[in-house]
Amino acid sequence: MTFDDLKSKTVKDQPEQKPDGEKAKGLQFLSSRWWCPVSVTLGILCLGLLVTTIMLIMQLSQVSDDLQQQQANLTQQEHILEGQILARRQAEKSSQESQRELKDMIETLAHKLDEKSKELRELRLQNLNLQEALKKAANFSGIHQASKCPFQFPILDGAVSEETQPPMALGGRFSFEAPLV
């Protein structure tokens, strides 16, 4: 290279001047001494932003996974609660049915108890009437109140005696219960 070549290159590399006296700003910032620290600072900032973005994406992914896990747990708990609610409703329904059946049974038993108590009152009344009739009959026939057998009648007193009776054969067996006639 010759001096002229070098001179022509430097003239070409110099920024062009504008008609109003200002220099063109094309590659002039590269000739400045601040461009290297500024570019390093911007590079560090970009790298920091990139690392921060990656960390935020990782945290977002972790939060998303946690959210999905919580939603799955909530869904499972919801199904469990629905099952418990359904079981409680069925238990309440069966309890109501049992209570209704018990109420019907109680009403039926109360009705039967009323009927039996009416029958018992009627039987007691009949018993009282019979006792009064027996007392009247005893007073009329002359049976003493202290008698062992309240159903004695004067006509039959001679036919049945208090003596022990010999056994009587009935069909090849002896019977002590058969009366002698």
Protein backbone atom coordinates (compact mmCIF):
# COMPACT_ATOMS: atom_id res chain seq x y z
CA MET A 1 0.00 0.00 0.00
CA THR A 2 1.11 3.41 -0.76
CA PHE A 3 0.50 6.63 1.05
CA ASP A 4 -2.05 7.71 -1.53
CA ASP A 5 -4.04 4.55 -1.01
CA LEU A 6 -4.00 5.07 2.70
CA LYS A 7 -5.01 8.68 2.26
CA SER A 8 -7.93 7.79 0.04
CA LYS A 9 -9.13 5.16 2.48
CA THR A 10 -9.09 7.49 5.40
CA VAL A 11 -11.00 10.06 3.42
CA LYS A 12 -13.60 7.49 2.57
CA ASP A 13 -13.81 6.27 6.19
CA GLN A 14 -14.35 9.77 7.54
CA PRO A 15 -17.92 10.75 7.99
CA GLU A 16 -19.43 12.97 5.46
CA GLN A 17 -20.25 16.49 6.36
CA LYS A 18 -23.65 17.89 5.80
CA PRO A 19 -24.16 21.18 4.06
CA ASP A 20 -25.16 22.97 7.29
CA GLY A 21 -21.84 22.09 8.94
CA GLU A 22 -22.83 19.04 11.02
CA LYS A 23 -21.03 15.75 10.68
CA ALA A 24 -22.96 12.64 9.85
CA LYS A 25 -23.43 10.25 12.80
CA GLY A 26 -23.06 6.98 10.94
CA LEU A 27 -20.33 4.92 12.67
CA GLN A 28 -19.06 7.70 14.85
CA PHE A 29 -20.28 6.01 18.08
CA LEU A 30 -17.79 3.17 17.40
CA SER A 31 -14.97 5.61 17.58
CA SER A 32 -16.17 6.74 21.02
CA ARG A 33 -14.39 5.35 24.08
CA TRP A 34 -17.77 4.62 25.90
CA TRP A 35 -19.17 2.13 23.48
CA CYS A 36 -17.35 -0.88 25.02
CA PRO A 37 -18.46 -0.32 28.66
CA VAL A 38 -22.00 0.51 27.52
CA SER A 39 -22.22 -2.63 25.38
CA VAL A 40 -20.85 -4.77 28.24
CA THR A 41 -23.36 -3.21 30.63
CA LEU A 42 -26.20 -3.79 28.17
CA GLY A 43 -25.01 -7.38 27.65
CA ILE A 44 -24.96 -7.97 31.38
CA LEU A 45 -28.46 -6.47 31.67
CA CYS A 46 -29.71 -8.69 28.84
CA LEU A 47 -28.11 -11.74 30.43
CA GLY A 48 -29.70 -10.81 33.77
CA LEU A 49 -33.07 -10.36 32.11
CA LEU A 50 -32.67 -13.71 30.36
CA VAL A 51 -31.79 -15.49 33.62
CA THR A 52 -34.66 -13.73 35.41
CA THR A 53 -37.06 -14.72 32.64
CA ILE A 54 -35.91 -18.36 32.81
CA MET A 55 -36.31 -18.39 36.59
CA LEU A 56 -39.78 -16.84 36.34
CA ILE A 57 -40.76 -19.42 33.73
CA MET A 58 -39.52 -22.21 36.03
CA GLN A 59 -41.43 -20.74 38.98
CA LEU A 60 -44.52 -20.33 36.81
CA SER A 61 -44.22 -23.96 35.76
CA GLN A 62 -43.87 -25.04 39.40
CA VAL A 63 -46.85 -22.91 40.44
CA SER A 64 -48.84 -24.35 37.55
CA ASP A 65 -47.98 -27.89 38.65
CA ASP A 66 -48.92 -27.04 42.25
CA LEU A 67 -52.18 -25.53 41.05
CA GLN A 68 -53.00 -28.64 39.04
CA GLN A 69 -52.21 -30.81 42.07
CA GLN A 70 -54.45 -28.68 44.28
CA GLN A 71 -57.23 -28.81 41.71
CA ALA A 72 -56.91 -32.61 41.60
CA ASN A 73 -57.04 -32.72 45.41
CA LEU A 74 -60.06 -30.41 45.45
CA THR A 75 -61.80 -32.55 42.86
CA GLN A 76 -61.09 -35.67 44.90
CA GLN A 77 -62.34 -34.00 48.09
CA GLU A 78 -65.41 -32.81 46.20
CA HIS A 79 -66.16 -36.37 45.11
CA ILE A 80 -65.68 -37.59 48.68
CA LEU A 81 -68.00 -34.87 49.99
CA GLU A 82 -70.61 -35.68 47.35
CA GLY A 83 -70.44 -39.34 48.39
CA GLN A 84 -70.80 -38.39 52.05
CA ILE A 85 -73.73 -36.10 51.27
CA LEU A 86 -75.39 -38.84 49.24
CA ALA A 87 -74.79 -41.37 52.04
CA ARG A 88 -76.19 -38.92 54.61
CA ARG A 89 -79.27 -38.31 52.47
CA GLN A 90 -79.81 -42.04 52.08
CA ALA A 91 -79.34 -42.53 55.81
CA GLU A 92 -81.82 -39.74 56.54
CA LYS A 93 -84.27 -41.24 54.07
CA SER A 94 -83.96 -44.71 55.57
CA SER A 95 -84.20 -43.18 59.05
CA GLN A 96 -87.38 -41.38 58.05
CA GLU A 97 -88.76 -44.60 56.59
CA SER A 98 -87.83 -46.47 59.77
CA GLN A 99 -89.44 -43.78 61.87
CA ARG A 100 -92.56 -43.96 59.73
CA GLU A 101 -92.63 -47.77 60.07
CA LEU A 102 -92.09 -47.50 63.82
CA LYS A 103 -94.85 -44.91 64.07
CA ASP A 104 -97.19 -47.21 62.14
CA MET A 105 -96.21 -50.13 64.36
CA ILE A 106 -96.76 -48.03 67.49
CA GLU A 107 -100.16 -46.93 66.23
CA THR A 108 -101.07 -50.54 65.43
CA LEU A 109 -99.85 -51.74 68.81
CA ALA A 110 -101.69 -48.90 70.56
CA HIS A 111 -104.87 -49.85 68.70
CA LYS A 112 -104.42 -53.54 69.64
CA LEU A 113 -103.66 -52.52 73.22
CA ASP A 114 -106.87 -50.49 73.32
CA GLU A 115 -108.81 -53.46 71.96
CA LYS A 116 -107.21 -55.85 74.46
CA SER A 117 -107.80 -53.43 77.34
CA LYS A 118 -111.47 -53.17 76.29
CA GLU A 119 -111.68 -56.96 76.17
CA LEU A 120 -109.97 -57.17 79.55
CA ARG A 121 -112.42 -54.67 81.03
CA GLU A 122 -115.29 -56.68 79.59
CA LEU A 123 -113.81 -59.90 80.97
CA ARG A 124 -113.33 -58.31 84.40
CA LEU A 125 -116.89 -57.07 84.30
CA GLN A 126 -118.08 -60.55 83.30
CA ASN A 127 -115.92 -62.04 86.08
CA LEU A 128 -117.43 -59.68 88.61
CA ASN A 129 -120.91 -60.53 87.34
CA LEU A 130 -120.12 -64.25 87.56
CA GLN A 131 -118.75 -63.87 91.06
CA GLU A 132 -121.89 -62.05 92.13
CA ALA A 133 -124.03 -64.73 90.46
CA LEU A 134 -122.04 -67.47 92.21
CA LYS A 135 -122.44 -65.72 95.53
CA LYS A 136 -126.17 -65.46 94.94
CA ALA A 137 -126.32 -69.12 93.87
CA ALA A 138 -124.30 -70.18 96.91
CA ASN A 139 -126.57 -68.23 99.21
CA PHE A 140 -129.61 -69.74 97.50
CA SER A 141 -128.42 -73.38 97.55
CA GLY A 142 -127.08 -73.25 101.06
CA ILE A 143 -123.40 -73.98 100.34
CA HIS A 144 -121.23 -72.84 103.16
CA GLN A 145 -118.64 -70.18 102.33
CA ALA A 146 -115.80 -72.22 103.89
CA SER A 147 -116.44 -75.26 101.69
CA LYS A 148 -113.50 -76.72 99.76
CA CYS A 149 -115.41 -77.22 96.56
CA PRO A 150 -117.50 -74.19 95.68
CA PHE A 151 -119.39 -76.03 92.97
CA GLN A 152 -121.16 -78.58 95.13
CA PHE A 153 -124.83 -79.07 94.67
CA PRO A 154 -127.05 -80.93 97.16
CA ILE A 155 -128.45 -83.27 94.50
CA LEU A 156 -125.01 -84.68 93.58
CA ASP A 157 -123.67 -84.94 97.15
CA GLY A 158 -124.65 -88.59 97.45
CA ALA A 159 -123.40 -89.69 94.01
CA VAL A 160 -119.75 -88.69 94.40
CA SER A 161 -117.93 -89.58 97.55
CA GLU A 162 -114.60 -88.49 98.88
CA GLU A 163 -113.32 -92.08 99.15
CA THR A 164 -110.45 -93.30 97.05
CA GLN A 165 -111.74 -95.22 94.12
CA PRO A 166 -110.13 -98.31 92.65
CA PRO A 167 -108.53 -97.94 89.23
CA MET A 168 -110.71 -98.73 86.28
CA ALA A 169 -109.45 -100.46 83.16
CA LEU A 170 -109.94 -98.58 79.95
CA GLY A 171 -108.49 -100.11 76.83
CA GLY A 172 -105.92 -102.18 78.71
CA ARG A 173 -104.75 -99.29 80.86
CA PHE A 174 -105.61 -98.25 84.31
CA SER A 175 -107.08 -94.84 84.83
CA PHE A 176 -107.52 -93.10 88.15
CA GLU A 177 -109.32 -90.20 86.60
CA ALA A 178 -112.36 -92.02 85.21
CA PRO A 179 -115.44 -91.60 87.44
CA LEU A 180 -117.37 -94.58 88.70
CA VAL A 181 -121.03 -94.60 87.78
